[in-house]
């Protein structure tokens, strides 16, 4: 192991319930009804991917662009005024990696400005050598693009990277990229099938990356 790549939502911050409310509120704004189950399959995907899939399913008349504009305002307002703490165990894990001079990165489907806001609020900025957003690659998770791009920018071979993910889409992307994957079974991220991960944990505190 020469680098560790973290997902953001559901791994560093327990944000999936927030996104669920934002997504449902966005659809309700346009008089579109959707259930929580509709969104569980989208955990880990970019906003564009989510609303593109929803438009195909429900055939609503609104453009993806106008819905994303409304959605983005809700996301920015929510996270810019967020009062929360990172998921338990994250600070200790990051400090351990820093003490052992193992570079870390965030590879998240969230917009980069949201990633930066969250890491700044939690005072975690200095732990990460690199941040890559799903907006910077051609295909979002479950495609491997974001992880391959992150490894490239870190100058580390994919096989030497370990990914920590909480979603089915994220674990699939990590394995497609040829990386080791730790699946964090975060109950707040919905009923995610992480069976493709190399290791599955119920808490971040269980992770001992020095064994990889």
Protein backbone atom coordinates (compact mmCIF):
# COMPACT_ATOMS: atom_id res chain seq x y z
CA UNK A 1 0.00 0.00 0.00
CA UNK A 2 1.41 3.35 -1.08
CA UNK A 3 -1.70 5.57 -0.89
CA UNK A 4 -5.20 5.60 0.63
CA UNK A 5 -8.16 7.10 -1.20
CA UNK A 6 -11.23 8.14 0.80
CA UNK A 7 -14.75 8.64 -0.40
CA UNK A 8 -16.31 11.69 1.30
CA UNK A 9 -20.05 11.17 1.77
CA UNK A 10 -20.75 8.34 4.17
CA UNK A 11 -17.06 7.81 4.97
CA UNK A 12 -15.72 11.14 6.23
CA UNK A 13 -19.10 12.76 6.90
CA UNK A 14 -22.46 11.12 7.52
CA UNK A 15 -24.04 13.09 4.70
CA UNK A 16 -26.15 10.57 2.82
CA UNK A 17 -29.29 11.35 4.91
CA UNK A 18 -28.75 15.04 4.06
CA UNK A 19 -28.48 14.28 0.35
CA UNK A 20 -31.58 12.12 0.55
CA UNK A 21 -33.60 15.04 1.95
CA UNK A 22 -32.12 17.43 -0.61
CA UNK A 23 -32.88 15.10 -3.51
CA UNK A 24 -36.45 14.46 -2.41
CA UNK A 25 -36.99 18.18 -1.76
CA UNK A 26 -35.74 18.94 -5.27
CA UNK A 27 -38.15 16.47 -6.86
CA UNK A 28 -41.03 17.70 -4.69
CA UNK A 29 -40.28 21.24 -5.87
CA UNK A 30 -41.04 20.01 -9.39
CA UNK A 31 -44.07 17.97 -8.25
CA UNK A 32 -42.27 14.66 -8.80
CA UNK A 33 -42.79 11.97 -6.19
CA UNK A 34 -39.96 9.57 -5.39
CA UNK A 35 -39.26 7.23 -2.51
CA UNK A 36 -36.20 6.70 -0.32
CA UNK A 37 -35.68 3.38 -2.09
CA UNK A 38 -35.34 5.24 -5.38
CA UNK A 39 -32.26 6.98 -4.05
CA UNK A 40 -30.49 4.11 -2.30
CA UNK A 41 -29.28 2.86 -5.67
CA UNK A 42 -27.74 6.26 -6.43
CA UNK A 43 -25.44 6.49 -3.39
CA UNK A 44 -21.94 7.31 -4.65
CA UNK A 45 -23.09 8.65 -8.02
CA UNK A 46 -22.67 12.23 -9.27
CA UNK A 47 -25.66 14.58 -9.23
CA UNK A 48 -25.71 14.54 -13.04
CA UNK A 49 -25.85 10.75 -13.05
CA UNK A 50 -28.66 10.71 -10.48
CA UNK A 51 -30.92 13.17 -12.28
CA UNK A 52 -30.18 11.73 -15.71
CA UNK A 53 -31.35 8.32 -14.47
CA UNK A 54 -34.42 9.84 -12.79
CA UNK A 55 -35.39 11.71 -15.95
CA UNK A 56 -35.18 8.47 -17.94
CA UNK A 57 -37.33 6.68 -15.35
CA UNK A 58 -40.02 9.31 -14.74
CA UNK A 59 -39.90 11.15 -18.09
CA UNK A 60 -40.46 14.51 -16.42
CA UNK A 61 -40.60 17.58 -18.70
CA UNK A 62 -37.99 19.65 -16.87
CA UNK A 63 -34.41 19.84 -18.08
CA UNK A 64 -31.68 18.25 -16.03
CA UNK A 65 -29.85 21.58 -16.04
CA UNK A 66 -32.66 23.53 -14.36
CA UNK A 67 -33.20 20.81 -11.75
CA UNK A 68 -29.48 20.65 -11.01
CA UNK A 69 -29.37 24.42 -10.58
CA UNK A 70 -32.08 24.25 -7.92
CA UNK A 71 -30.47 21.18 -6.35
CA UNK A 72 -27.04 22.85 -6.23
CA UNK A 73 -28.44 25.82 -4.32
CA UNK A 74 -29.92 23.49 -1.70
CA UNK A 75 -26.65 21.55 -1.41
CA UNK A 76 -24.56 24.70 -1.03
CA UNK A 77 -26.89 26.20 1.58
CA UNK A 78 -27.03 22.94 3.54
CA UNK A 79 -23.31 22.25 3.70
CA UNK A 80 -22.21 25.86 4.02
CA UNK A 81 -24.22 26.09 7.25
CA UNK A 82 -23.52 22.55 8.41
CA UNK A 83 -22.93 21.90 12.08
CA UNK A 84 -21.62 18.36 12.40
CA UNK A 85 -18.57 16.27 13.19
CA UNK A 86 -16.74 13.78 10.97
CA UNK A 87 -17.57 10.12 11.30
CA UNK A 88 -16.10 8.58 14.44
CA UNK A 89 -12.62 7.19 13.89
CA UNK A 90 -11.74 9.31 10.85
CA UNK A 91 -9.45 11.75 12.67
CA UNK A 92 -7.47 8.95 14.31
CA UNK A 93 -7.16 7.03 11.04
CA UNK A 94 -5.93 10.09 9.15
CA UNK A 95 -3.45 10.93 11.89
CA UNK A 96 -2.07 7.38 11.83
CA UNK A 97 -1.57 7.57 8.07
CA UNK A 98 0.09 10.96 8.38
CA UNK A 99 2.43 9.65 11.10
CA UNK A 100 3.48 6.86 8.75
CA UNK A 101 3.91 9.24 5.78
CA UNK A 102 1.25 7.50 3.69
CA UNK A 103 -0.35 9.96 1.24
CA UNK A 104 -4.14 10.29 1.26
CA UNK A 105 -6.67 11.68 -1.19
CA UNK A 106 -10.40 12.31 -1.41
CA UNK A 107 -12.18 10.97 -4.50
CA UNK A 108 -15.81 12.02 -4.22
CA UNK A 109 -18.78 12.40 -6.54
CA UNK A 110 -19.61 15.67 -4.76
CA UNK A 111 -18.71 19.05 -6.32
CA UNK A 112 -15.22 20.20 -5.34
CA UNK A 113 -16.48 23.35 -3.61
CA UNK A 114 -18.63 21.20 -1.31
CA UNK A 115 -15.70 18.87 -0.60
CA UNK A 116 -13.55 21.87 0.28
CA UNK A 117 -16.21 23.36 2.56
CA UNK A 118 -16.63 20.10 4.50
CA UNK A 119 -12.92 19.43 4.92
CA UNK A 120 -12.35 23.02 6.00
CA UNK A 121 -15.17 22.93 8.56
CA UNK A 122 -13.77 19.70 10.01
CA UNK A 123 -10.19 21.06 9.84
CA UNK A 124 -9.11 18.03 7.85
CA UNK A 125 -7.64 19.89 4.85
CA UNK A 126 -4.03 19.33 5.81
CA UNK A 127 -4.40 15.56 5.91
CA UNK A 128 -5.11 15.21 2.19
CA UNK A 129 -2.54 15.58 -0.54
CA UNK A 130 -5.18 15.64 -3.26
CA UNK A 131 -8.91 16.13 -3.86
CA UNK A 132 -10.63 14.85 -7.00
CA UNK A 133 -14.30 15.49 -7.74
CA UNK A 134 -16.57 13.43 -9.94
CA UNK A 135 -17.06 16.58 -12.00
CA UNK A 136 -13.44 16.26 -13.19
CA UNK A 137 -13.79 12.90 -14.95
CA UNK A 138 -15.81 11.67 -17.90
CA UNK A 139 -17.74 8.93 -16.10
CA UNK A 140 -18.85 8.83 -12.47
CA UNK A 141 -18.96 5.83 -10.16
CA UNK A 142 -19.49 2.89 -10.70
CA UNK A 143 -17.05 3.59 -13.55
CA UNK A 144 -13.42 3.55 -12.28
CA UNK A 145 -12.46 6.92 -13.80
CA UNK A 146 -12.23 8.94 -10.59
CA UNK A 147 -10.02 6.40 -8.83
CA UNK A 148 -7.74 5.95 -11.82
CA UNK A 149 -7.39 9.72 -12.15
CA UNK A 150 -6.62 10.03 -8.44
CA UNK A 151 -3.90 7.36 -8.63
CA UNK A 152 -2.43 9.06 -11.70
CA UNK A 153 -2.21 12.42 -9.92
CA UNK A 154 -0.70 10.76 -6.85
CA UNK A 155 1.87 9.04 -9.11
CA UNK A 156 0.93 5.71 -7.55
CA UNK A 157 -0.03 2.52 -9.39
CA UNK A 158 -3.72 1.57 -8.90
CA UNK A 159 -2.67 -1.79 -7.43
CA UNK A 160 -0.83 0.10 -4.67
CA UNK A 161 -3.93 2.06 -3.60
CA UNK A 162 -6.50 1.22 -0.95
CA UNK A 163 -9.97 2.78 -1.26
CA UNK A 164 -12.44 3.29 1.61
CA UNK A 165 -16.03 3.35 0.36
CA UNK A 166 -19.54 3.05 1.79
CA UNK A 167 -21.55 2.50 -1.39
CA UNK A 168 -22.12 -0.28 -3.89
CA UNK A 169 -21.29 2.08 -6.75
CA UNK A 170 -18.07 3.15 -5.05
CA UNK A 171 -16.86 -0.36 -4.26
CA UNK A 172 -17.53 -1.46 -7.84
CA UNK A 173 -15.57 1.54 -9.13
CA UNK A 174 -12.63 0.79 -6.83
CA UNK A 175 -12.42 -2.86 -7.89
CA UNK A 176 -12.76 -1.94 -11.58
CA UNK A 177 -9.79 0.38 -11.04
CA UNK A 178 -7.76 -2.59 -9.77
CA UNK A 179 -7.52 -1.28 -6.22
CA UNK A 180 -7.94 -2.87 -2.81
CA UNK A 181 -11.24 -1.77 -1.27
CA UNK A 182 -12.49 -1.50 2.29
CA UNK A 183 -16.27 -1.33 2.48
CA UNK A 184 -17.67 0.66 5.40
CA UNK A 185 -21.17 -0.58 6.15
CA UNK A 186 -22.68 2.75 7.12
CA UNK A 187 -26.34 2.13 7.98
CA UNK A 188 -27.17 5.76 7.15
CA UNK A 189 -26.10 5.14 3.55
CA UNK A 190 -28.97 2.73 2.97
CA UNK A 191 -28.84 -1.00 2.38
CA UNK A 192 -25.66 -1.05 0.31
CA UNK A 193 -24.28 -4.29 -1.14
CA UNK A 194 -20.55 -4.09 -0.40
CA UNK A 195 -19.83 -7.75 -1.06
CA UNK A 196 -17.33 -6.94 -3.81
CA UNK A 197 -15.06 -5.15 -1.29
CA UNK A 198 -11.96 -6.98 -0.03
CA UNK A 199 -12.79 -6.17 3.59
CA UNK A 200 -16.07 -4.99 5.15
CA UNK A 201 -16.16 -3.12 8.46
CA UNK A 202 -18.98 -1.78 10.61
CA UNK A 203 -16.98 1.20 11.89
CA UNK A 204 -14.06 3.30 10.71
CA UNK A 205 -12.30 2.51 14.01
CA UNK A 206 -12.02 -1.14 12.90
CA UNK A 207 -9.76 -0.23 10.00
CA UNK A 208 -6.05 -1.01 10.36
CA UNK A 209 -4.49 0.06 7.11
CA UNK A 210 -1.00 -0.82 8.27
CA UNK A 211 -1.93 -4.46 7.61
CA UNK A 212 -2.36 -3.82 3.88
